[in-house]
Protein backbone atom coordinates (compact mmCIF):
# COMPACT_ATOMS: atom_id res chain seq x y z
CA MET A 1 -0.03 -0.26 -0.09
CA ASN A 2 3.00 2.97 -0.33
CA ARG A 3 0.98 4.26 -2.88
CA ALA A 4 -0.20 8.10 -2.51
CA GLY A 5 -3.65 9.39 -3.29
CA ILE A 6 -2.92 12.85 -4.94
CA PHE A 7 -5.80 16.14 -5.77
CA LEU A 8 -4.68 18.50 -8.23
CA MET A 9 -5.73 21.05 -10.49
CA THR A 10 -4.15 23.81 -12.44
CA LYS A 11 -1.24 24.05 -14.38
CA LYS A 12 1.39 24.30 -11.74
CA GLY A 13 -0.42 20.22 -10.56
CA LEU A 14 -0.49 18.95 -14.05
CA GLN A 15 3.89 20.02 -13.94
CA VAL A 16 4.38 18.09 -10.44
CA LEU A 17 2.20 14.64 -12.32
CA GLU A 18 4.52 14.52 -14.85
CA SER A 19 7.86 14.63 -12.96
CA ILE A 20 6.48 12.07 -10.80
CA ILE A 21 5.48 9.86 -13.62
CA ASP A 22 9.10 10.70 -15.19
CA LYS A 23 10.51 8.89 -12.27
CA GLY A 24 8.53 6.15 -12.73
CA PHE A 25 6.47 6.88 -9.88
CA SER A 26 3.55 5.62 -11.66
CA SER A 27 2.94 2.91 -10.17
CA ASN A 28 2.93 4.66 -6.03
CA ILE A 29 0.11 7.63 -7.13
CA GLY A 30 -2.81 5.21 -6.02
CA PHE A 31 -5.63 8.00 -7.28
CA VAL A 32 -5.54 11.99 -8.61
CA VAL A 33 -8.78 13.27 -7.70
CA GLY A 34 -9.13 16.33 -10.23
CA ALA A 35 -11.83 19.28 -10.25
CA SER A 36 -13.12 22.43 -13.15
CA ASP A 37 -12.26 25.39 -12.37
CA LYS A 38 -14.41 28.27 -13.01
CA ASN A 39 -12.52 30.98 -11.46
CA VAL A 40 -9.01 30.24 -13.75
CA GLN A 41 -8.61 31.06 -17.21
CA ASN A 42 -7.34 27.36 -17.83
CA ASP A 43 -7.98 24.73 -14.73
CA TYR A 44 -6.20 21.81 -17.04
CA TYR A 45 -9.04 19.45 -14.95
CA HIS A 46 -9.20 17.63 -18.65
CA GLU A 47 -5.43 17.63 -19.98
CA ILE A 48 -4.32 15.27 -16.18
CA GLY A 49 -7.08 13.74 -17.14
CA GLU A 50 -5.86 12.09 -19.73
CA LEU A 51 -1.80 12.02 -18.45
CA CYS A 52 -3.36 9.91 -15.75
CA SER A 53 -5.48 7.79 -18.88
CA LYS A 54 -2.32 7.78 -20.84
CA ASN A 55 -0.59 5.87 -17.63
CA GLY A 56 -2.88 3.89 -16.29
CA ILE A 57 -3.60 5.97 -12.97
CA PRO A 58 -6.81 6.02 -11.60
CA TYR A 59 -8.74 9.83 -11.69
CA PHE A 60 -11.66 11.31 -10.39
CA ASP A 61 -14.27 14.20 -10.71
CA LYS A 62 -13.47 15.50 -7.18
CA ASP A 63 -17.12 14.75 -7.07
CA GLU A 64 -17.75 11.32 -7.65
CA THR A 65 -16.74 9.68 -4.11
CA SER A 66 -15.48 6.13 -5.40
CA TYR A 67 -11.84 6.85 -5.04
CA LYS A 68 -12.04 6.73 -1.07
CA LYS A 69 -12.35 2.41 -1.64
CA LEU A 70 -8.72 2.40 -2.78
CA ASN A 71 -5.89 1.87 -0.25
CA VAL A 72 -3.78 4.61 -0.34
CA SER A 73 -1.16 5.37 3.23
CA TYR A 74 -0.91 9.08 2.21
CA LEU A 75 -3.53 11.94 1.15
CA ILE A 76 -1.79 15.08 -1.51
CA ALA A 77 -3.01 17.94 -1.89
CA ILE A 78 -1.50 20.40 -4.68
CA SER A 79 -3.17 23.69 -5.97
CA TRP A 80 -6.48 22.49 -4.38
CA ARG A 81 -9.44 24.78 -3.18
CA TRP A 82 -11.56 22.74 -0.88
CA ILE A 83 -11.33 21.10 2.13
CA ILE A 84 -10.76 17.22 2.09
CA SER A 85 -12.73 15.46 4.72
CA GLU A 86 -13.34 12.22 3.91
CA GLN A 87 -11.10 10.10 4.44
CA LYS A 88 -9.84 11.69 8.29
CA ALA A 89 -7.93 8.50 8.99
CA ILE A 90 -5.19 9.09 6.07
CA PRO A 91 -2.32 11.61 6.78
CA LEU A 92 -2.88 14.40 4.85
CA ILE A 93 -0.51 16.43 2.94
CA VAL A 94 -0.92 20.05 2.00
CA LEU A 95 1.26 21.62 -0.35
CA HIS A 96 1.57 25.80 0.42
CA ASP A 97 2.79 28.70 -1.69
CA SER A 98 4.25 29.89 0.84
CA LEU A 99 7.69 30.18 3.44
CA LEU A 100 5.65 29.37 6.26
CA PRO A 101 5.12 30.23 8.84
CA LYS A 102 5.11 33.26 7.32
CA TYR A 103 1.86 34.41 4.92
CA ARG A 104 -0.39 31.76 6.50
CA GLY A 105 -4.12 31.64 4.67
CA PHE A 106 -4.36 32.92 0.72
CA ALA A 107 -3.50 34.23 -2.25
CA PRO A 108 0.04 33.86 -0.67
CA LEU A 109 2.36 34.51 -3.26
CA VAL A 110 0.44 36.98 -4.69
CA ASN A 111 0.26 39.01 -1.34
CA SER A 112 4.77 37.74 -1.38
CA LEU A 113 4.91 39.74 -4.69
CA ILE A 114 3.17 42.66 -4.07
CA ASN A 115 5.17 42.86 -0.54
CA GLY A 116 8.75 42.45 -2.00
CA GLU A 117 9.77 39.54 -0.57
CA ARG A 118 12.86 38.92 -2.10
CA GLU A 119 13.01 34.85 -1.15
CA ILE A 120 9.57 32.81 -2.36
CA GLY A 121 8.89 29.56 -1.96
CA VAL A 122 6.61 25.50 -0.95
CA SER A 123 6.47 23.93 1.78
CA ALA A 124 5.15 21.16 2.53
CA LEU A 125 3.17 20.13 5.95
CA PHE A 126 0.79 17.99 7.09
CA ALA A 127 -2.81 19.28 7.45
CA SER A 128 -4.41 20.33 10.62
CA SER A 129 -7.82 21.88 12.04
CA GLU A 130 -7.09 25.19 11.60
CA TYR A 131 -5.25 26.10 8.34
CA ASP A 132 -1.44 25.97 7.55
CA LYS A 133 -0.36 25.26 11.23
CA GLY A 134 0.18 21.93 10.91
CA PRO A 135 3.64 20.62 11.17
CA ILE A 136 5.78 21.49 8.65
CA ILE A 137 7.43 18.46 6.20
CA ALA A 138 9.64 20.25 4.32
CA ARG A 139 9.99 24.11 2.67
CA SER A 140 11.79 24.71 -0.52
CA LYS A 141 12.78 27.94 -1.68
CA CYS A 142 13.85 30.34 -4.38
CA THR A 143 15.12 34.02 -5.07
CA VAL A 144 13.47 36.44 -7.01
CA GLU A 145 14.64 39.41 -8.51
CA TYR A 146 11.85 42.57 -9.57
CA PRO A 147 10.33 43.14 -11.77
CA ILE A 148 8.35 39.66 -12.26
CA LYS A 149 5.78 39.26 -13.28
CA ILE A 150 2.88 36.48 -11.55
CA ALA A 151 3.45 33.87 -14.29
CA LYS A 152 7.03 34.27 -13.70
CA ALA A 153 7.50 33.39 -10.34
CA ILE A 154 4.08 30.28 -10.60
CA ASP A 155 7.19 28.98 -12.99
CA LEU A 156 9.91 29.53 -10.27
CA ILE A 157 7.69 27.46 -7.47
CA THR A 158 6.30 24.80 -9.82
CA GLU A 159 9.85 23.45 -9.60
CA CYS A 160 10.22 23.94 -5.69
CA TYR A 161 6.85 21.67 -5.88
CA ILE A 162 7.92 19.53 -8.13
CA GLU A 163 11.50 19.38 -5.92
CA LEU A 164 9.36 18.35 -2.46
CA VAL A 165 6.40 16.07 -4.64
CA GLN A 166 9.19 13.24 -5.49
CA ASP A 167 10.78 13.89 -1.99
CA LEU A 168 7.40 12.93 -0.31
CA VAL A 169 6.43 9.97 -3.21
CA ARG A 170 10.18 8.56 -2.59
CA LYS A 171 9.66 7.77 0.48
CA ILE A 172 6.08 6.76 0.35
CA LYS A 173 7.09 4.20 -1.74
CA ASP A 174 10.22 3.22 -0.15
CA ASN A 175 7.97 3.06 2.98
CA VAL A 176 9.77 5.90 4.91
CA GLU A 177 8.31 7.94 7.77
CA ILE A 178 7.81 11.43 6.34
CA ILE A 179 9.12 13.69 9.74
CA ALA A 180 7.84 16.58 10.53
CA ASP A 181 7.98 19.63 12.85
CA SER A 182 6.11 22.23 14.50
CA GLN A 183 5.90 25.77 13.29
CA ASN A 184 7.11 28.76 15.08
CA GLU A 185 4.17 30.95 15.68
CA GLU A 186 6.17 33.52 16.82
CA LEU A 187 6.54 33.93 13.31
CA ALA A 188 3.53 33.81 11.91
CA THR A 189 1.95 36.31 9.83
CA TYR A 190 -1.43 35.60 7.67
CA SER A 191 -2.74 36.59 3.88
CA LEU A 192 -6.14 37.93 3.83
CA TRP A 193 -8.36 36.50 0.80
CA ARG A 194 -8.74 38.80 -2.26
CA ASP A 195 -11.66 39.56 -3.83
CA GLU A 196 -12.69 42.20 -7.06
CA GLU A 197 -11.43 44.93 -4.95
CA ASP A 198 -8.23 44.44 -4.32
CA TYR A 199 -7.25 44.89 -7.62
CA HIS A 200 -7.88 48.17 -7.68
CA ILE A 201 -4.93 50.32 -8.62
CA ASP A 202 -4.50 52.58 -5.75
CA TRP A 203 -2.47 55.83 -6.98
CA GLU A 204 -2.22 57.32 -4.43
CA LYS A 205 1.79 54.54 -3.86
CA ASP A 206 4.41 54.41 -5.16
CA SER A 207 5.04 54.35 -8.80
CA SER A 208 7.37 51.45 -7.82
CA GLU A 209 4.84 49.51 -5.88
CA ILE A 210 2.12 50.44 -7.99
CA LYS A 211 4.17 48.58 -10.56
CA ARG A 212 5.40 45.84 -8.36
CA PHE A 213 0.84 45.38 -8.09
CA ILE A 214 0.56 45.00 -11.26
CA ASP A 215 3.06 42.42 -12.27
CA SER A 216 1.51 40.54 -9.35
CA VAL A 217 -1.96 40.56 -9.86
CA GLY A 218 -1.67 39.73 -13.50
CA TYR A 219 -1.94 36.58 -16.11
CA PRO A 220 -3.10 33.58 -14.80
CA TYR A 221 -5.38 36.08 -12.94
CA LYS A 222 -7.38 39.08 -13.65
CA GLY A 223 -5.35 42.03 -13.95
CA ALA A 224 -4.93 45.09 -11.53
CA SER A 225 -7.66 47.38 -12.15
CA ALA A 226 -9.29 50.95 -12.54
CA PHE A 227 -11.89 53.83 -13.64
CA VAL A 228 -11.76 55.96 -16.59
CA LYS A 229 -15.57 57.97 -16.61
CA ASN A 230 -16.85 55.29 -15.01
CA ARG A 231 -15.68 52.22 -17.07
CA LYS A 232 -13.40 49.14 -15.20
CA VAL A 233 -10.12 48.91 -17.63
CA ARG A 234 -7.35 45.92 -15.83
CA ILE A 235 -3.53 47.82 -17.09
CA PHE A 236 -1.36 44.24 -17.84
CA ASP A 237 1.77 45.84 -17.54
CA ALA A 238 3.72 49.34 -16.72
CA GLN A 239 6.77 50.88 -16.56
CA THR A 240 8.25 53.08 -14.43
CA GLN A 241 8.96 57.02 -15.24
CA ASP A 242 11.09 59.39 -13.55
CA ASP A 243 8.98 61.63 -11.65
CA VAL A 244 8.75 65.85 -12.66
CA SER A 245 7.93 68.58 -10.15
CA ILE A 246 4.49 68.93 -10.17
CA VAL A 247 2.88 71.88 -8.38
CA ASN A 248 -0.39 70.69 -7.96
CA ARG A 249 0.68 66.89 -7.74
CA ASN A 250 -3.26 64.80 -8.53
CA PRO A 251 -2.29 61.29 -8.38
CA GLY A 252 -4.22 59.27 -11.45
CA LYS A 253 -3.80 62.23 -13.84
CA VAL A 254 -2.06 61.39 -17.25
CA ILE A 255 0.39 64.00 -17.36
CA PHE A 256 2.29 63.11 -20.45
CA VAL A 257 1.35 60.91 -23.49
CA ASP A 258 4.12 58.23 -25.12
CA HIS A 259 3.25 56.91 -28.49
CA GLY A 260 -0.11 56.31 -27.89
CA LYS A 261 0.72 55.13 -23.87
CA PRO A 262 0.18 57.38 -21.46
CA ILE A 263 1.99 58.80 -18.54
CA ILE A 264 0.13 58.82 -14.75
CA VAL A 265 1.20 60.69 -11.36
CA CYS A 266 1.14 57.61 -8.63
CA GLY A 267 1.74 59.42 -5.33
CA ARG A 268 5.36 59.64 -5.71
CA GLY A 269 7.12 59.54 -9.43
CA LEU A 270 5.53 58.23 -12.53
CA LEU A 271 3.64 55.14 -14.61
CA ARG A 272 3.89 54.73 -18.43
CA ILE A 273 0.53 51.80 -19.19
CA GLU A 274 2.02 49.46 -21.81
CA ASP A 275 -0.91 47.20 -21.96
CA GLY A 276 -4.40 47.53 -20.99
CA GLN A 277 -7.79 46.97 -22.09
CA PHE A 278 -11.72 47.74 -21.09
CA ASP A 279 -13.22 45.35 -19.64
CA ASP A 280 -17.10 45.99 -21.01
CA THR A 281 -15.88 45.42 -24.53
CA LEU A 282 -12.58 44.33 -24.54
CA GLU A 283 -11.00 47.42 -26.09
CA PRO A 284 -7.24 48.41 -26.01
CA LEU A 285 -6.22 51.71 -23.95
CA ILE A 286 -3.42 52.26 -26.56
CA PRO A 287 -3.33 54.52 -27.74
CA LEU A 288 -5.02 56.40 -25.24
CA LYS A 289 -7.83 58.81 -27.17
CA ASN A 290 -8.66 61.40 -25.02
CA PHE A 291 -5.32 63.06 -23.18
CA ARG A 292 -7.30 64.19 -20.52
CA THR A 293 -7.19 61.17 -18.97
CA LYS A 294 -8.36 60.14 -15.13
CA PHE A 295 -7.56 56.82 -13.70
CA ILE A 296 -9.40 56.26 -10.53
């Protein structure tokens, strides 16, 4: 019974599954459970299913129950958004997108990048009754250089996932005890869930902070937002510009237009918008049609 049941989704989950199959651990995967998620542009539900079918791995939808009859020694959750409570007798290992105990909770990678953290990574821990407070099995980390877009950061931590999960499955295969250590509560921080309001740009901030924010909530997420005459726009890319002396500084107003690209006054510094579109019509923001524009 040296097998794991794996709950996963998204491109990150697919790549992790590919990696452990490539290492020859297919027979140590008891089953895979996937899920469709309309909140992401591609949940990789079908791609994961096809990979399982090709390699003889039982694949189930999260709403099915027959996988519960299959014997496994551990459960592993990767990029999983739902509570796994049906098989409490089986140890559940969760992979979390932060170096715990920092950034417990929601959107840890996004919030880490917004805050300009120099190290990002992944923690493997045993699940507990309180989220992300269980004992830590292992961590894997990498350094980041700014600017960096969220898609690139996801690629970086995917390598951390692969390292951790390969080691976990190898231990399960060899029947090696998986040991974990309690977290230091004095070092714990929490990361709140984000909703549509949290995509909104605060133009009172420094242009470098706004640039980092735009990069942190871009694809595969919706993108940073602002309003132009009551129309919501998504801003996908921007570049900081040297500041100028403005006697009546009013963050959000366009001060220059460079080849159709608006340069916007921030609380400190300037920001040139490189790419964006209107939410309602998907009309491109560039070239800007009206110089006298304020982004709110």
